[in-house]
Amino acid sequence: MMVVERYRRFFFHEVRAFIVRRTNVRLIWLCVQGILGLVSAIAATAAFWWGYTNQSTGLNNHPNEVSVLGYVVAGIFGPIALVCLLLVIINLALGPSCRCHVLTSTGWHALAAPARLGPALQTQSRIFPRIEAAQGGPAVPQTAL
């Protein structure tokens, strides 16, 4: 097993801007998980209903193969639907997705984390005082004479 780690160090005195922008990643995942969960729930319900309506007892009071097959298919798609529902709930609870960028003298750099808006704003509020302290206080805009 091979592990590769890439990182870049930014010094507070080099930071010119810290940008947090919202993205549509959350919405895309909600759509994918929701559609997959809905299709799985419909398939599980249809398979269960198919097994239930074709239920008849054969010899020695054993259910026929058609009803067993319906229950097996429902048993496969049902948990998939539940997992997708759980993922949708978790995704909604985590909040909006975002992307963070840092501007230094070498250009814009995308940060891998944080990817959610709440933790990104907390990070931003924690590092702003440190950036200002490293750069000698808040920047004063220069006016044209």
N, C-alpha and C. Protein backbone atom coordinates (compact mmCIF):
# COMPACT_ATOMS: atom_id res chain seq x y z
N MET A 1 0.84 -1.17 0.00
CA MET A 1 0.00 0.00 0.00
C MET A 1 0.90 1.24 0.00
N MET A 2 0.57 2.16 -0.89
CA MET A 2 1.38 3.37 -1.02
C MET A 2 0.55 4.57 -0.59
N VAL A 3 1.15 5.43 0.21
CA VAL A 3 0.46 6.61 0.69
C VAL A 3 1.21 7.84 0.20
N VAL A 4 0.48 8.76 -0.37
CA VAL A 4 1.08 10.00 -0.85
C VAL A 4 0.38 11.16 -0.15
N GLU A 5 1.16 12.09 0.34
CA GLU A 5 0.58 13.24 1.03
C GLU A 5 1.10 14.51 0.36
N ARG A 6 0.18 15.38 -0.01
CA ARG A 6 0.54 16.67 -0.59
C ARG A 6 0.00 17.76 0.30
N TYR A 7 0.84 18.70 0.62
CA TYR A 7 0.36 19.82 1.41
C TYR A 7 1.15 21.06 1.02
N ARG A 8 0.60 22.19 1.34
CA ARG A 8 1.27 23.46 1.10
C ARG A 8 1.09 24.31 2.35
N ARG A 9 2.15 24.94 2.76
CA ARG A 9 2.13 25.76 3.96
C ARG A 9 1.98 27.23 3.56
N PHE A 10 1.05 27.89 4.23
CA PHE A 10 0.84 29.32 4.01
C PHE A 10 1.18 30.04 5.31
N PHE A 11 1.98 31.08 5.20
CA PHE A 11 2.29 31.91 6.36
C PHE A 11 1.30 33.05 6.41
N PHE A 12 0.94 33.43 7.63
CA PHE A 12 -0.10 34.45 7.79
C PHE A 12 0.32 35.79 7.18
N HIS A 13 1.60 36.10 7.20
CA HIS A 13 2.01 37.39 6.64
C HIS A 13 1.97 37.39 5.11
N GLU A 14 1.84 36.21 4.48
CA GLU A 14 1.77 36.12 3.02
C GLU A 14 0.34 36.16 2.48
N VAL A 15 -0.65 35.95 3.33
CA VAL A 15 -2.04 35.84 2.89
C VAL A 15 -2.58 37.22 2.52
N ARG A 16 -3.07 37.33 1.30
CA ARG A 16 -3.67 38.58 0.85
C ARG A 16 -5.19 38.52 0.91
N ALA A 17 -5.76 37.33 0.71
CA ALA A 17 -7.22 37.16 0.76
C ALA A 17 -7.55 35.72 1.12
N PHE A 18 -8.66 35.56 1.81
CA PHE A 18 -9.20 34.24 2.14
C PHE A 18 -10.66 34.27 1.69
N ILE A 19 -10.98 33.49 0.68
CA ILE A 19 -12.30 33.53 0.07
C ILE A 19 -13.05 32.23 0.37
N VAL A 20 -14.31 32.36 0.75
CA VAL A 20 -15.21 31.22 0.92
C VAL A 20 -16.36 31.43 -0.04
N ARG A 21 -16.56 30.47 -0.95
CA ARG A 21 -17.68 30.60 -1.89
C ARG A 21 -18.51 29.32 -1.86
N ARG A 22 -19.82 29.51 -1.96
CA ARG A 22 -20.74 28.37 -1.94
C ARG A 22 -20.68 27.62 -3.27
N THR A 23 -20.91 26.32 -3.20
CA THR A 23 -20.93 25.48 -4.39
C THR A 23 -22.24 24.69 -4.45
N ASN A 24 -22.45 24.02 -5.58
CA ASN A 24 -23.66 23.21 -5.77
C ASN A 24 -23.42 21.73 -5.50
N VAL A 25 -22.31 21.38 -4.89
CA VAL A 25 -21.99 19.98 -4.65
C VAL A 25 -23.06 19.32 -3.78
N ARG A 26 -23.52 20.03 -2.76
CA ARG A 26 -24.56 19.48 -1.88
C ARG A 26 -25.83 19.17 -2.67
N LEU A 27 -26.24 20.09 -3.52
CA LEU A 27 -27.45 19.89 -4.31
C LEU A 27 -27.31 18.71 -5.26
N ILE A 28 -26.15 18.58 -5.88
CA ILE A 28 -25.92 17.46 -6.80
C ILE A 28 -26.01 16.13 -6.06
N TRP A 29 -25.35 16.04 -4.89
CA TRP A 29 -25.41 14.81 -4.13
C TRP A 29 -26.81 14.52 -3.60
N LEU A 30 -27.54 15.57 -3.22
CA LEU A 30 -28.92 15.36 -2.77
C LEU A 30 -29.76 14.78 -3.91
N CYS A 31 -29.58 15.28 -5.12
CA CYS A 31 -30.34 14.76 -6.27
C CYS A 31 -29.97 13.31 -6.55
N VAL A 32 -28.67 13.00 -6.56
CA VAL A 32 -28.22 11.63 -6.85
C VAL A 32 -28.73 10.67 -5.79
N GLN A 33 -28.53 11.01 -4.52
CA GLN A 33 -28.96 10.13 -3.44
C GLN A 33 -30.48 10.03 -3.37
N GLY A 34 -31.17 11.13 -3.60
CA GLY A 34 -32.62 11.12 -3.57
C GLY A 34 -33.23 10.28 -4.68
N ILE A 35 -32.71 10.44 -5.90
CA ILE A 35 -33.23 9.65 -7.03
C ILE A 35 -32.92 8.18 -6.83
N LEU A 36 -31.70 7.85 -6.42
CA LEU A 36 -31.35 6.45 -6.19
C LEU A 36 -32.20 5.85 -5.07
N GLY A 37 -32.43 6.62 -4.01
CA GLY A 37 -33.27 6.13 -2.92
C GLY A 37 -34.71 5.95 -3.33
N LEU A 38 -35.23 6.88 -4.14
CA LEU A 38 -36.61 6.78 -4.60
C LEU A 38 -36.80 5.58 -5.52
N VAL A 39 -35.87 5.39 -6.44
CA VAL A 39 -35.96 4.24 -7.36
C VAL A 39 -35.85 2.94 -6.57
N SER A 40 -34.93 2.89 -5.60
CA SER A 40 -34.79 1.68 -4.78
C SER A 40 -36.03 1.41 -3.95
N ALA A 41 -36.63 2.46 -3.39
CA ALA A 41 -37.85 2.29 -2.59
C ALA A 41 -39.01 1.80 -3.45
N ILE A 42 -39.13 2.34 -4.64
CA ILE A 42 -40.20 1.88 -5.55
C ILE A 42 -39.97 0.44 -5.94
N ALA A 43 -38.71 0.08 -6.26
CA ALA A 43 -38.40 -1.31 -6.63
C ALA A 43 -38.67 -2.26 -5.48
N ALA A 44 -38.30 -1.87 -4.26
CA ALA A 44 -38.52 -2.73 -3.10
C ALA A 44 -40.01 -2.91 -2.83
N THR A 45 -40.76 -1.82 -2.94
CA THR A 45 -42.21 -1.90 -2.72
C THR A 45 -42.88 -2.75 -3.78
N ALA A 46 -42.50 -2.56 -5.04
CA ALA A 46 -43.08 -3.35 -6.13
C ALA A 46 -42.74 -4.83 -5.99
N ALA A 47 -41.48 -5.12 -5.63
CA ALA A 47 -41.09 -6.53 -5.47
C ALA A 47 -41.80 -7.17 -4.29
N PHE A 48 -41.95 -6.44 -3.20
CA PHE A 48 -42.67 -6.99 -2.05
C PHE A 48 -44.13 -7.24 -2.41
N TRP A 49 -44.75 -6.28 -3.10
CA TRP A 49 -46.15 -6.44 -3.48
C TRP A 49 -46.32 -7.60 -4.46
N TRP A 50 -45.36 -7.73 -5.38
CA TRP A 50 -45.41 -8.83 -6.35
C TRP A 50 -45.30 -10.18 -5.63
N GLY A 51 -44.39 -10.26 -4.64
CA GLY A 51 -44.26 -11.50 -3.87
C GLY A 51 -45.48 -11.78 -3.02
N TYR A 52 -46.10 -10.73 -2.49
CA TYR A 52 -47.27 -10.90 -1.64
C TYR A 52 -48.49 -11.33 -2.44
N THR A 53 -48.68 -10.73 -3.63
CA THR A 53 -49.87 -11.08 -4.43
C THR A 53 -49.73 -12.44 -5.09
N ASN A 54 -48.51 -12.89 -5.34
CA ASN A 54 -48.32 -14.21 -5.97
C ASN A 54 -48.06 -15.29 -4.93
N GLN A 55 -48.42 -15.01 -3.73
CA GLN A 55 -48.17 -15.95 -2.65
C GLN A 55 -49.22 -17.07 -2.70
N SER A 56 -48.75 -18.25 -2.83
CA SER A 56 -49.63 -19.41 -2.75
C SER A 56 -48.80 -20.55 -2.17
N THR A 57 -49.45 -21.39 -1.47
CA THR A 57 -48.72 -22.49 -0.86
C THR A 57 -48.80 -23.69 -1.77
N GLY A 58 -47.67 -24.30 -1.94
CA GLY A 58 -47.60 -25.50 -2.76
C GLY A 58 -47.69 -26.74 -1.90
N LEU A 59 -46.91 -27.71 -2.24
CA LEU A 59 -46.89 -28.94 -1.48
C LEU A 59 -46.30 -28.70 -0.09
N ASN A 60 -46.81 -29.34 0.89
CA ASN A 60 -46.34 -29.27 2.28
C ASN A 60 -46.34 -27.85 2.84
N ASN A 61 -47.25 -27.01 2.35
CA ASN A 61 -47.40 -25.63 2.81
C ASN A 61 -46.14 -24.78 2.65
N HIS A 62 -45.36 -25.01 1.62
CA HIS A 62 -44.18 -24.19 1.32
C HIS A 62 -44.59 -23.12 0.32
N PRO A 63 -44.09 -21.86 0.49
CA PRO A 63 -44.42 -20.82 -0.49
C PRO A 63 -43.76 -21.12 -1.82
N ASN A 64 -44.39 -20.63 -2.90
CA ASN A 64 -43.82 -20.89 -4.22
C ASN A 64 -42.60 -20.00 -4.46
N GLU A 65 -41.86 -20.33 -5.52
CA GLU A 65 -40.60 -19.64 -5.82
C GLU A 65 -40.80 -18.18 -6.21
N VAL A 66 -41.95 -17.86 -6.82
CA VAL A 66 -42.20 -16.50 -7.27
C VAL A 66 -42.32 -15.55 -6.09
N SER A 67 -43.03 -15.95 -5.05
CA SER A 67 -43.17 -15.07 -3.89
C SER A 67 -41.85 -14.93 -3.14
N VAL A 68 -41.09 -16.00 -3.07
CA VAL A 68 -39.79 -15.94 -2.40
C VAL A 68 -38.86 -14.99 -3.17
N LEU A 69 -38.89 -15.08 -4.49
CA LEU A 69 -38.06 -14.19 -5.30
C LEU A 69 -38.45 -12.72 -5.09
N GLY A 70 -39.74 -12.44 -5.00
CA GLY A 70 -40.19 -11.08 -4.73
C GLY A 70 -39.69 -10.57 -3.39
N TYR A 71 -39.73 -11.41 -2.36
CA TYR A 71 -39.25 -11.01 -1.05
C TYR A 71 -37.73 -10.81 -1.03
N VAL A 72 -37.02 -11.63 -1.78
CA VAL A 72 -35.56 -11.49 -1.84
C VAL A 72 -35.18 -10.18 -2.53
N VAL A 73 -35.84 -9.88 -3.64
CA VAL A 73 -35.57 -8.62 -4.35
C VAL A 73 -35.93 -7.43 -3.46
N ALA A 74 -37.03 -7.51 -2.74
CA ALA A 74 -37.40 -6.44 -1.81
C ALA A 74 -36.36 -6.32 -0.69
N GLY A 75 -35.82 -7.44 -0.26
CA GLY A 75 -34.80 -7.42 0.77
C GLY A 75 -33.48 -6.83 0.30
N ILE A 76 -33.25 -6.84 -0.99
CA ILE A 76 -32.04 -6.22 -1.55
C ILE A 76 -32.24 -4.72 -1.72
N PHE A 77 -33.36 -4.32 -2.32
CA PHE A 77 -33.57 -2.90 -2.61
C PHE A 77 -34.01 -2.08 -1.39
N GLY A 78 -34.61 -2.71 -0.41
CA GLY A 78 -35.05 -1.99 0.78
C GLY A 78 -33.91 -1.35 1.55
N PRO A 79 -32.86 -2.11 1.89
CA PRO A 79 -31.72 -1.49 2.60
C PRO A 79 -31.02 -0.41 1.77
N ILE A 80 -30.98 -0.58 0.46
CA ILE A 80 -30.37 0.45 -0.39
C ILE A 80 -31.16 1.75 -0.25
N ALA A 81 -32.48 1.64 -0.25
CA ALA A 81 -33.32 2.83 -0.09
C ALA A 81 -33.12 3.47 1.28
N LEU A 82 -32.98 2.66 2.32
CA LEU A 82 -32.76 3.20 3.67
C LEU A 82 -31.40 3.89 3.78
N VAL A 83 -30.37 3.32 3.19
CA VAL A 83 -29.04 3.94 3.21
C VAL A 83 -29.08 5.28 2.47
N CYS A 84 -29.75 5.31 1.33
CA CYS A 84 -29.86 6.57 0.58
C CYS A 84 -30.62 7.61 1.38
N LEU A 85 -31.68 7.21 2.06
CA LEU A 85 -32.42 8.14 2.91
C LEU A 85 -31.54 8.67 4.04
N LEU A 86 -30.75 7.80 4.65
CA LEU A 86 -29.84 8.21 5.71
C LEU A 86 -28.78 9.19 5.17
N LEU A 87 -28.26 8.93 3.98
CA LEU A 87 -27.27 9.84 3.37
C LEU A 87 -27.88 11.21 3.06
N VAL A 88 -29.13 11.22 2.61
CA VAL A 88 -29.81 12.50 2.35
C VAL A 88 -29.97 13.29 3.64
N ILE A 89 -30.35 12.62 4.71
CA ILE A 89 -30.53 13.30 6.01
C ILE A 89 -29.19 13.85 6.51
N ILE A 90 -28.13 13.06 6.40
CA ILE A 90 -26.80 13.52 6.84
C ILE A 90 -26.35 14.70 6.00
N ASN A 91 -26.55 14.63 4.69
CA ASN A 91 -26.15 15.71 3.79
C ASN A 91 -26.90 17.00 4.11
N LEU A 92 -28.18 16.88 4.42
CA LEU A 92 -28.96 18.06 4.80
C LEU A 92 -28.49 18.63 6.14
N ALA A 93 -28.14 17.75 7.07
CA ALA A 93 -27.71 18.20 8.39
C ALA A 93 -26.35 18.90 8.36
N LEU A 94 -25.48 18.51 7.43
CA LEU A 94 -24.15 19.11 7.36
C LEU A 94 -24.17 20.54 6.85
N GLY A 95 -25.20 20.92 6.13
CA GLY A 95 -25.32 22.29 5.65
C GLY A 95 -24.75 22.49 4.26
N PRO A 96 -24.78 23.74 3.78
CA PRO A 96 -24.34 24.05 2.43
C PRO A 96 -22.86 23.73 2.21
N SER A 97 -22.54 23.35 0.99
CA SER A 97 -21.16 23.06 0.64
C SER A 97 -20.47 24.34 0.17
N CYS A 98 -19.15 24.35 0.28
CA CYS A 98 -18.40 25.54 -0.13
C CYS A 98 -17.01 25.13 -0.57
N ARG A 99 -16.30 26.10 -1.09
CA ARG A 99 -14.91 25.92 -1.52
C ARG A 99 -14.13 27.10 -0.97
N CYS A 100 -12.96 26.84 -0.40
CA CYS A 100 -12.13 27.89 0.17
C CYS A 100 -10.89 28.10 -0.69
N HIS A 101 -10.53 29.38 -0.86
CA HIS A 101 -9.35 29.75 -1.64
C HIS A 101 -8.53 30.75 -0.84
N VAL A 102 -7.22 30.68 -1.01
CA VAL A 102 -6.31 31.61 -0.38
C VAL A 102 -5.51 32.30 -1.48
N LEU A 103 -5.41 33.62 -1.40
CA LEU A 103 -4.61 34.40 -2.34
C LEU A 103 -3.30 34.79 -1.65
N THR A 104 -2.20 34.39 -2.26
CA THR A 104 -0.88 34.78 -1.78
C THR A 104 -0.14 35.45 -2.93
N SER A 105 1.11 35.76 -2.71
CA SER A 105 1.90 36.40 -3.77
C SER A 105 2.13 35.46 -4.95
N THR A 106 1.99 34.16 -4.74
CA THR A 106 2.17 33.20 -5.83
C THR A 106 0.87 32.90 -6.56
N GLY A 107 -0.25 33.43 -6.11
CA GLY A 107 -1.53 33.24 -6.80
C GLY A 107 -2.59 32.62 -5.91
N TRP A 108 -3.69 32.20 -6.56
CA TRP A 108 -4.81 31.59 -5.85
C TRP A 108 -4.53 30.12 -5.60
N HIS A 109 -4.88 29.65 -4.41
CA HIS A 109 -4.69 28.26 -4.04
C HIS A 109 -5.99 27.75 -3.44
N ALA A 110 -6.52 26.65 -4.00
CA ALA A 110 -7.74 26.04 -3.46
C ALA A 110 -7.37 25.17 -2.27
N LEU A 111 -8.16 25.26 -1.22
CA LEU A 111 -7.95 24.44 -0.03
C LEU A 111 -8.86 23.22 -0.10
N ALA A 112 -8.37 22.10 0.36
CA ALA A 112 -9.15 20.86 0.34
C ALA A 112 -10.24 20.87 1.41
N ALA A 113 -9.98 21.49 2.53
CA ALA A 113 -10.95 21.53 3.62
C ALA A 113 -10.97 22.94 4.18
N PRO A 114 -11.99 23.35 4.77
CA PRO A 114 -13.28 22.72 4.99
C PRO A 114 -14.17 22.79 3.76
N ALA A 115 -15.08 21.84 3.63
CA ALA A 115 -15.95 21.75 2.47
C ALA A 115 -17.39 22.14 2.77
N ARG A 116 -17.69 22.49 4.01
CA ARG A 116 -19.03 22.93 4.39
C ARG A 116 -18.95 24.37 4.90
N LEU A 117 -20.02 25.10 4.71
CA LEU A 117 -20.02 26.54 4.97
C LEU A 117 -19.81 26.87 6.44
N GLY A 118 -20.44 26.16 7.35
CA GLY A 118 -20.30 26.44 8.78
C GLY A 118 -18.86 26.35 9.26
N PRO A 119 -18.19 25.21 9.06
CA PRO A 119 -16.78 25.12 9.47
C PRO A 119 -15.87 26.09 8.72
N ALA A 120 -16.19 26.42 7.48
CA ALA A 120 -15.37 27.37 6.72
C ALA A 120 -15.45 28.76 7.33
N LEU A 121 -16.65 29.17 7.72
CA LEU A 121 -16.80 30.48 8.35
C LEU A 121 -16.14 30.53 9.73
N GLN A 122 -16.19 29.41 10.45
CA GLN A 122 -15.50 29.34 11.74
C GLN A 122 -13.99 29.44 11.54
N THR A 123 -13.48 28.76 10.54
CA THR A 123 -12.05 28.84 10.23
C THR A 123 -11.67 30.26 9.85
N GLN A 124 -12.50 30.89 9.04
CA GLN A 124 -12.25 32.25 8.60
C GLN A 124 -12.21 33.20 9.80
N SER A 125 -13.14 33.06 10.71
CA SER A 125 -13.17 33.95 11.88
C SER A 125 -12.00 33.67 12.83
N ARG A 126 -11.47 32.45 12.83
CA ARG A 126 -10.33 32.13 13.69
C ARG A 126 -9.01 32.63 13.12
N ILE A 127 -8.87 32.62 11.79
CA ILE A 127 -7.57 33.00 11.23
C ILE A 127 -7.45 34.48 10.92
N PHE A 128 -8.57 35.20 10.77
CA PHE A 128 -8.48 36.63 10.47
C PHE A 128 -7.69 37.41 11.53
N PRO A 129 -7.94 37.22 12.83
CA PRO A 129 -7.12 37.95 13.81
C PRO A 129 -5.64 37.60 13.72
N ARG A 130 -5.32 36.36 13.41
CA ARG A 130 -3.92 35.96 13.29
C ARG A 130 -3.27 36.56 12.05
N ILE A 131 -4.02 36.65 10.97
CA ILE A 131 -3.49 37.29 9.76
C ILE A 131 -3.24 38.77 10.03
N GLU A 132 -4.19 39.43 10.66
CA GLU A 132 -4.03 40.85 10.97
C GLU A 132 -2.86 41.08 11.91
N ALA A 133 -2.68 40.19 12.90
CA ALA A 133 -1.55 40.34 13.84
C ALA A 133 -0.22 40.14 13.11
N ALA A 134 -0.15 39.18 12.20
CA ALA A 134 1.09 38.92 11.47
C ALA A 134 1.41 40.03 10.48
N GLN A 135 0.39 40.70 9.98
CA GLN A 135 0.60 41.75 8.99
C GLN A 135 0.62 43.15 9.60
N GLY A 136 0.51 43.25 10.90
CA GLY A 136 0.61 44.54 11.55
C GLY A 136 -0.69 45.29 11.64
N GLY A 137 -1.80 44.62 11.81
CA GLY A 137 -3.10 45.28 11.95
C GLY A 137 -3.91 45.23 10.67
N PRO A 138 -5.15 45.72 10.75
CA PRO A 138 -6.00 45.68 9.56
C PRO A 138 -5.46 46.59 8.47
N ALA A 139 -5.63 46.15 7.26
CA ALA A 139 -5.13 46.90 6.11
C ALA A 139 -5.94 48.18 5.93
N VAL A 140 -5.24 49.27 5.67
CA VAL A 140 -5.89 50.54 5.45
C VAL A 140 -5.92 50.79 3.94
N PRO A 141 -7.11 50.96 3.37
CA PRO A 141 -7.16 51.16 1.92
C PRO A 141 -6.49 52.48 1.53
N GLN A 142 -5.72 52.44 0.46
CA GLN A 142 -5.05 53.63 0.00
C GLN A 142 -5.97 54.39 -0.98
N THR A 143 -5.98 55.68 -0.85
CA THR A 143 -6.81 56.49 -1.73
C THR A 143 -5.94 57.19 -2.76
N ALA A 144 -6.50 57.43 -3.90
CA ALA A 144 -5.77 58.13 -4.97
C ALA A 144 -5.75 59.61 -4.67
N LEU A 145 -4.63 60.24 -4.89
CA LEU A 145 -4.50 61.68 -4.66
C LEU A 145 -4.83 62.48 -5.88
